[in-house]
Amino acid sequence: MNAEILDTTKERRSSWCGSPMDSGRIVYAGFATKAEFDLLSSAERVGEWAACKTTTLLRNDGNQWERRCHSKVVGSYGADEVTVIFQWWDERVAGSEA
């Protein structure tokens, strides 16, 4: 079993951006690399590891996977502004210590 967090320094296939249908003021965005994410000067919040059924299903490697989210916010959720929530996700085999 792989006990390490996946290498988040490698470039991913694409960056992404999205907005929930019920909100025109909040945008979620991601980067191709963790280095790009780290360049944002906003404070970083790191969530707890949590089971991820989607990653487990997609990897289909016999392991249970978990993820945690790193996020940074630009904006203050004001009524007349767009707030952008930047996210970076780490993934690992459940129960792995890293």
C-alpha atoms as a PDB file:
ATOM      1  CA  MET A   1       0.000   0.000   0.000  1.00  0.00           C
ATOM      2  CA  ASN A   2       1.298   3.466  -0.891  1.00  0.00           C
ATOM      3  CA  ALA A   3       1.622   5.394   2.390  1.00  0.00           C
ATOM      4  CA  GLU A   4       2.642   8.706   0.855  1.00  0.00           C
ATOM      5  CA  ILE A   5       0.600  11.679  -0.240  1.00  0.00           C
ATOM      6  CA  LEU A   6       0.537  11.913  -4.006  1.00  0.00           C
ATOM      7  CA  ASP A   7       3.171  14.273  -5.406  1.00  0.00           C
ATOM      8  CA  THR A   8       1.367  17.625  -5.490  1.00  0.00           C
ATOM      9  CA  THR A   9       4.343  19.421  -7.018  1.00  0.00           C
ATOM     10  CA  LYS A  10       3.734  17.944 -10.456  1.00  0.00           C
ATOM     11  CA  GLU A  11       1.674  19.878 -12.961  1.00  0.00           C
ATOM     12  CA  ARG A  12      -1.858  18.641 -13.369  1.00  0.00           C
ATOM     13  CA  ARG A  13      -3.603  18.396 -16.726  1.00  0.00           C
ATOM     14  CA  SER A  14      -5.575  21.616 -16.324  1.00  0.00           C
ATOM     15  CA  SER A  15      -6.569  24.413 -14.027  1.00  0.00           C
ATOM     16  CA  TRP A  16     -10.264  25.022 -13.494  1.00  0.00           C
ATOM     17  CA  CYS A  17     -12.835  27.632 -12.567  1.00  0.00           C
ATOM     18  CA  GLY A  18     -16.505  27.303 -11.699  1.00  0.00           C
ATOM     19  CA  SER A  19     -19.449  29.103 -10.139  1.00  0.00           C
ATOM     20  CA  PRO A  20     -22.449  27.487  -8.449  1.00  0.00           C
ATOM     21  CA  MET A  21     -25.678  28.052 -10.380  1.00  0.00           C
ATOM     22  CA  ASP A  22     -27.346  29.775  -7.413  1.00  0.00           C
ATOM     23  CA  SER A  23     -24.579  32.350  -6.905  1.00  0.00           C
ATOM     24  CA  GLY A  24     -23.096  34.772  -9.368  1.00  0.00           C
ATOM     25  CA  ARG A  25     -20.812  36.217  -6.717  1.00  0.00           C
ATOM     26  CA  ILE A  26     -18.708  33.240  -5.624  1.00  0.00           C
ATOM     27  CA  VAL A  27     -16.243  31.575  -7.971  1.00  0.00           C
ATOM     28  CA  TYR A  28     -14.192  28.450  -7.173  1.00  0.00           C
ATOM     29  CA  ALA A  29     -10.835  28.166  -8.912  1.00  0.00           C
ATOM     30  CA  GLY A  30      -7.910  25.766  -9.058  1.00  0.00           C
ATOM     31  CA  PHE A  31      -4.390  25.816 -10.425  1.00  0.00           C
ATOM     32  CA  ALA A  32      -2.261  23.431 -12.445  1.00  0.00           C
ATOM     33  CA  THR A  33       0.449  23.364  -9.732  1.00  0.00           C
ATOM     34  CA  LYS A  34       0.685  23.774  -5.970  1.00  0.00           C
ATOM     35  CA  ALA A  35       3.465  26.329  -6.573  1.00  0.00           C
ATOM     36  CA  GLU A  36       0.983  28.576  -8.406  1.00  0.00           C
ATOM     37  CA  PHE A  37      -1.503  28.191  -5.536  1.00  0.00           C
ATOM     38  CA  ASP A  38       1.224  29.073  -3.024  1.00  0.00           C
ATOM     39  CA  LEU A  39       1.938  32.358  -4.831  1.00  0.00           C
ATOM     40  CA  LEU A  40      -1.381  33.806  -3.650  1.00  0.00           C
ATOM     41  CA  SER A  41      -0.712  36.059  -0.676  1.00  0.00           C
ATOM     42  CA  SER A  42      -4.027  35.270   1.069  1.00  0.00           C
ATOM     43  CA  ALA A  43      -4.092  33.241   4.289  1.00  0.00           C
ATOM     44  CA  GLU A  44      -4.283  29.484   3.698  1.00  0.00           C
ATOM     45  CA  ARG A  45      -6.750  27.203   5.451  1.00  0.00           C
ATOM     46  CA  VAL A  46      -6.116  23.456   5.446  1.00  0.00           C
ATOM     47  CA  GLY A  47      -9.011  21.121   6.116  1.00  0.00           C
ATOM     48  CA  GLU A  48      -8.970  17.737   7.808  1.00  0.00           C
ATOM     49  CA  TRP A  49      -8.455  14.521   5.886  1.00  0.00           C
ATOM     50  CA  ALA A  50     -11.823  13.011   4.931  1.00  0.00           C
ATOM     51  CA  ALA A  51     -12.867   9.863   3.092  1.00  0.00           C
ATOM     52  CA  CYS A  52     -13.463  10.428  -0.615  1.00  0.00           C
ATOM     53  CA  LYS A  53     -15.742   7.928  -2.328  1.00  0.00           C
ATOM     54  CA  THR A  54     -15.238   9.645  -5.687  1.00  0.00           C
ATOM     55  CA  THR A  55     -11.442   9.284  -5.660  1.00  0.00           C
ATOM     56  CA  THR A  56     -11.774   5.686  -4.428  1.00  0.00           C
ATOM     57  CA  LEU A  57     -14.161   4.909  -7.287  1.00  0.00           C
ATOM     58  CA  LEU A  58     -12.078   6.661  -9.954  1.00  0.00           C
ATOM     59  CA  ARG A  59      -8.762   5.122  -8.909  1.00  0.00           C
ATOM     60  CA  ASN A  60     -10.310   1.649  -8.621  1.00  0.00           C
ATOM     61  CA  ASP A  61      -7.077   0.273  -7.140  1.00  0.00           C
ATOM     62  CA  GLY A  62      -8.481  -1.620  -4.150  1.00  0.00           C
ATOM     63  CA  ASN A  63      -7.617   1.172  -1.698  1.00  0.00           C
ATOM     64  CA  GLN A  64      -9.877   3.575   0.158  1.00  0.00           C
ATOM     65  CA  TRP A  65      -8.789   7.167  -0.570  1.00  0.00           C
ATOM     66  CA  GLU A  66      -9.130  10.382   1.381  1.00  0.00           C
ATOM     67  CA  ARG A  67      -8.632  14.060   0.530  1.00  0.00           C
ATOM     68  CA  ARG A  68      -8.029  17.364   2.252  1.00  0.00           C
ATOM     69  CA  CYS A  69      -8.566  20.827   0.860  1.00  0.00           C
ATOM     70  CA  HIS A  70      -6.206  23.799   1.002  1.00  0.00           C
ATOM     71  CA  SER A  71      -8.102  27.029   0.343  1.00  0.00           C
ATOM     72  CA  LYS A  72      -7.443  30.749   0.008  1.00  0.00           C
ATOM     73  CA  VAL A  73     -10.104  33.431  -0.373  1.00  0.00           C
ATOM     74  CA  VAL A  74      -9.833  36.665  -2.343  1.00  0.00           C
ATOM     75  CA  GLY A  75     -12.731  39.011  -1.543  1.00  0.00           C
ATOM     76  CA  SER A  76     -15.023  39.463   1.430  1.00  0.00           C
ATOM     77  CA  TYR A  77     -18.334  38.000   0.222  1.00  0.00           C
ATOM     78  CA  GLY A  78     -19.703  41.547  -0.192  1.00  0.00           C
ATOM     79  CA  ALA A  79     -23.022  42.085  -1.945  1.00  0.00           C
ATOM     80  CA  ASP A  80     -21.420  44.044  -4.793  1.00  0.00           C
ATOM     81  CA  GLU A  81     -18.280  42.004  -5.356  1.00  0.00           C
ATOM     82  CA  VAL A  82     -17.086  38.690  -6.689  1.00  0.00           C
ATOM     83  CA  THR A  83     -15.325  36.487  -4.139  1.00  0.00           C
ATOM     84  CA  VAL A  84     -12.917  33.845  -5.455  1.00  0.00           C
ATOM     85  CA  ILE A  85     -12.153  30.713  -3.430  1.00  0.00           C
ATOM     86  CA  PHE A  86      -8.953  29.070  -4.647  1.00  0.00           C
ATOM     87  CA  GLN A  87      -8.567  25.377  -3.785  1.00  0.00           C
ATOM     88  CA  TRP A  88      -5.840  22.755  -3.885  1.00  0.00           C
ATOM     89  CA  TRP A  89      -6.541  19.122  -2.977  1.00  0.00           C
ATOM     90  CA  ASP A  90      -4.167  16.535  -1.489  1.00  0.00           C
ATOM     91  CA  GLU A  91      -5.069  12.847  -1.836  1.00  0.00           C
ATOM     92  CA  ARG A  92      -3.745   9.783  -0.031  1.00  0.00           C
ATOM     93  CA  VAL A  93      -4.645   6.202   0.784  1.00  0.00           C
ATOM     94  CA  ALA A  94      -6.896   6.258   3.866  1.00  0.00           C
ATOM     95  CA  GLY A  95      -5.029   5.828   7.144  1.00  0.00           C
ATOM     96  CA  SER A  96      -1.668   6.809   5.665  1.00  0.00           C
ATOM     97  CA  GLU A  97       0.458   9.111   7.765  1.00  0.00           C
ATOM     98  CA  ALA A  98       2.280  11.848   5.908  1.00  0.00           C
END
